[in-house]
Amino acid sequence: MNDVEITSSMSAVPTEIRSQLDEAENTSFPVERRLIHLKKAEQMILGSGPGSSLLDNFFDEVLRFMDYGHEDPRFQLFVVSFVEKACRQDCEMLEKAANILRTTFDDQNTAVSVRKKIINLMFLVYPLIFNWAASHKNDRSAESTWDVMKVLKYRILQCTDSDNQGICSMALKFLQTVILSQTTQTQHSEAPRHKGQIMSLDKLSRDHKFISYHKMDTEAGLDFDNLISRMLSTHIPCINLLTCIGCICEIARQRPGFMQKVISALERLQFNLPPTLSTSQVKSVRKEMKMHLLRMLKHPASTQFHQVITTLLSDVGASQGEISRALPNGSSGRRALTRPSSSNNVAQSSGYEEPQSKRPKLPPVEDDEYADEKPNQSNVCSDGSSGKAIDITARFIYERLSPKVVTNLVLISLVTLPDEMPPAFASSYTPISAAGTEGQRHHLARIMATQFTSAGVGPGVEQMKKEQKEEFFARQQARSDGAVIPPTPQHIAAAMTPKPEASAKPPPPVQFSVPQVPVQKPKGKIQFNLITSVQDMSDEEAKKLMSQAFERIMSNERRAIQGGEGVAHQMLLVRIVTRFASPLISEFEKSLLDFILADQRSRTEIALLWIAELFAQYQGHSIVRHDLHEPFEFTKEERRTRYDIVVTGMLSALYEGGHHKELLFHKILLEAPLVTEAMLKWLRIACIDEVFGSFGMTTLRELILTRSRQRDELLSLLFNFSYSQNQELRSQSIETAKELYMISYIKQDVQRFASDMVQLCTQPAAPLPIVANYFGDEYVEKLQAEERSEPWSEALIKSALCLFFALMPLEHSLIKTLADVYSKANNDVKRVVLKSVEPAAKSIGMGSPDLLDMIEHCPEGTQTLVAKIVNLLTERSQPTPEIVSRMMFLYVKRKTDVRSLIPVLTRLSKEELFDLLPKFVLSSAVQRSVPAVFSKILSAKKEDTDELTVPPLELLLTIHRLPTSSDKERKLLASNIKTLLQSKLMSKETIANGIEALLDDKPIKKILFDTILAVYENPAMSNLRGFLANVVSRIVSAKMWDDPESECDWSFFVSFARTVSNAACAAVLTGFTSEELTEYLECENRNNLIIELRDYYHNLSRNQKRLVKDGVLECIQSEAERIESGENRS
């Protein structure tokens, strides 16, 4: 029964896999769902285990999903991952996937992530395939799979020149795997990190059918040389350089035979870093070299190179403690760190090659065919021509590196040195820890030899050229003699050198007679007496002797460190200058300060110990005597003063020497137990430095974080920098304040200081802190001498507000403080606040509870600020109901200016808008705001239906029907209607419909005639002239001036008709009687009106001509003839 169930389940698996693959091919499904089906199919295919037929049956079908890469690269990533897992179960699968992998890799449209995935596949699979092919030397499938692997390998190795740095780095890592797999292991080889990469040339038999042992070994050597040369390239990018360093160091640890080449290459790289690297990149490279060199120092095969590695580690910034911890116990290098080494020891442990004459001569290889019968590590260990040239030149330089030569070189180079140390050199320079020792001389000679060899000069280069030339001629001679492998020049030289004959025995030494010493009587012993043997010294002699002793102690720093007593040496110097106080000790203090400044980096601890001892004396935890002979104690205030003088003296010397950018200056401020006011002055000076001010700002920030008791004083210093004219210093101060505000335990302090800072703007004149930081301390002294104050200017106000406005988006409650200050400040401050508040207000937003609370409870006199903020917030968005309700509350309850409601007009109801309309159009004080009011009203829409709240026609009718109590109000209303008519939102059709509707109003108002006149005079509405003529005709035909309730009487209409004479011609001709015509023509423009009426009469239709009253036409014609005859006579 169980067998039947197993068989049925196995038969169901292919069906299930087929179903999952079909679902994955369905393009109507989203990509995520299709990938889930693919992963389920993968689990079933690979879960069957090695040897199962499922992998072979469905492998090609899974590969087809590589074609879906144009839809989403995740399909290709999945296929590559599947191929990797499949190759782990069956290496023959690579042969099936090779073509599609190569095609996908070469396709220019393939995503970078997919190409990286393919390289990573080869990185993981190459050792497996190599191991499998090496163990199946008679298998044809293994041979074909290996051929495919070689094609893919060479294709990926070409990517080491790719412009994409990510692909290039991964190709370099693959190159590392190739080198490790194609070289032999030794007993000291480290185990690889990945278990799947345990493959070496030891596992390949020399009689393998299709893989050549010699070819693999030679190819690995060439690849390694290529990797080295690529690392030493002058234009290599930083990320690729770091990858190369990691690769060659990993190779050295797993293949110790390469270690000498790797160390030599790292040495050359340290001396010749690419010039294209930035300061931070140089630091990264040195950090990477330091990490790998420390790991290499622990390697058992690196014993003979310990001296070189430790020197390199010192160059890249490793401390002696780190080097000592990395050295194996009992090594000669560890012992060398604890005691000075002689020149012989240095020469023996230097790690460089000895002269050629002292090396054991190896038997030459007679035939290349048998060269692979013994390990090739000897070839690997031997230096190339470049390394050999460096060695020869290094020995040449070392023999001539005398103090006199070095002094001359330094003096000559001083001429070409720049005035200031370049930042790149300053960031990468490391103090020499063992200057003057033999090891350092060897190292210096090595550095100079590397530079000479790179430039193609030096005895080493000449020797290599000579040897190459001799080798060439020797090979030519060998070919002419028919030899297969010609003898090397060393063999020729050895054959031509005559053997020395055996030297004869030296003659026996001559025996001379020895004279006998005469016998003398012994003298009596004299007892030593200290009192009678010594003499009293004068004070000058004693001072001189003590000064010499102190100088001797300082000069023996290196010996103390080498003897393991570096801390004791530092404590001795500090206690000498701190435990006593006298004029001589003051000289010692100056000497010790100069001693510290001479090598700050290595003597930082002395300065910190000095400061700590002085503080301990100030607190009473240590003693200090006023004089060597008088046991007089200092008072606490005097001890504090002494502490302050010494520390500020250090800071002063560092700053004046241009060392305020160095670590010691800032470390004193950060680690000093007490930061005095004088120390803060030097910190302020360092912060305002134009070049290295950012270092001081960073130190100030750290002090604020760590010094809780002095935080107020430090925050005051930081905030004062925001008043500066220096934009960079001001921006650094603002950014630092914003960073500090985000820290919870400093947030309240920053907020409090910002509030206190903006309160300064309420003073009648600019406060001294602002003036001092803006104009400088000298300007403040001048003001105080003249007993006057500095008035507020726009620049000073902006400097006082910039930090406050920068913090407002982070702390919205500051807007209440701003409103309070605004209500108390003068007009100049208010004007600047209104100009500068925009960025902060927009960052806060309309939804801020603090903003809403400020609007609702704004102090008296801040209505303009509230209106400005609300206007800024509603420029591009509609006001929120909360904003609208609070603005209406202010208007109703607090009687604010009606103009403050302009920003929220778009969210008011029609009734509210019509109630507010008279307050805008009939008030002369707000006339400048009327165009904005019309624009807001016409663009207002109902929130629920998106319809216009007030249609343009309704607004036009409503504004015409507003009651006016005086002629002044009527003129204001007419002016505002003219403004409304010019709005782009008012169409001509709307205007015409409005005028027609207003004609039906009883009684008719004068404002309608003002509107008709405005339309008549507007050139943009000239096409409404005909419509206006009909309107005037209606008015004339209805005799509207006869209505007793109408505001328009006969004289007003006649004046109006004369003004719009062209539009009124038809109405005058057809509606006026001769008496009315006579009264109409009684004006200064009589002649023009008559001529215009006569000419217009011909344009009347036949029906209109019938309506002309008797006597009207005769009057017009007679008057026109009279006018024309008078003109002819004149």
Foldseek 3Di string as FASTA:
>chain_A
DVVVVVVVVVVVLVVLLVVLLVVLPPPVDDNVSSVVSVVVSLCSQCVVAAPDCSCVVCLVVLLVQCVCVVVPVVSLLVNLVSLLSVCVRPVLSCLVCLVVLVVLLPDPPRDPVSVLSNLVSLLLNVQVLVLVLLVCLPDVSSLSSVVSNVVVLVVLLVCCPPPPPSSVLSSLSSLLLLLAQLADFDPLADDDPDPSSPHHLVSHDCPRNRDHNVVSNVVSVVSLVVLLVQLQDLPRDLVNNLSSLVSQLNCCRRHVLQVLVNLLSVLLCLLRPRPVDDLVSLLVNLVSLLVSLLQVQLRPSCLLQLLSSVQSNLLSPDDLVSSLVSHDPPRPSNLCLQAPDALVVCVRRNNADDDPVPDDDDDDDQDPVCPPVDHPSVVSNDDDLLSQLLSVQLVVCLVVPDPVVVVVVVVVCVVVDDPDDDPSCVSSGGDRLDPPHSSVSSSVSSSVSSVQVVVQDGPSSVVSVVQVVQQVVQVVVCVVVVGPDGDGVVVVVVVPDDDDDDDDDDDDDDDDDDDDDDDDDDDDDDDDDPVVVDDDDDPVVVLVVVVVVLVVLLVCLSRCSSNVNNVVSLVVLLCQLFQEADPSSVVSLVVVLVSCVVPVVVCLVSVLVNLVVLVCVLVVNDHHAHHPPDRDGDDSVVSVVVSVVSLLVSLVVCVVVVNCLPDSNLCCLLNRPDQDPSNVVSLLVCLPDPPRNVVSLVSLLNCCVPVVVCNLVSLVSLLLQLLAPPPVSNVSSLVSLQVQCVDVVCVVVSVVVLLVLLLQQLDQARDPSSCCRHVHPVVVVVCVVVVHTHHDDLSSLCSSCVSSLSCCLVPVLCVLSVLVSLQRHDPRSVVSCLVPNLVSLCSNAQPHPNLLVCLQDRDPPCLVVNLSSLQSRQVPHAHDPSSQVSQVCCCVPVVDDPSSCLSHLLVDAPVVLLVCVCVQQQDPVNVVCLLSSLVSQCCRADPPPRHRRAHLLNVLLSLLPDDDDDPSSLVSSLVSSLSSCPDPSQDPVSLLVNLVVQLPDPLHEPSSLSSLLSLCPDVVNVVCLQVSLVVLLVCLVVVSLVPPRHPDHLVNVLVSCVSSVLSPLLNCQQRPEQVSVVVSLPDPCNLVSLVSNLVCLVVDDPVSNVSGYPPNNVVSVVVNVVVVVVVVVD
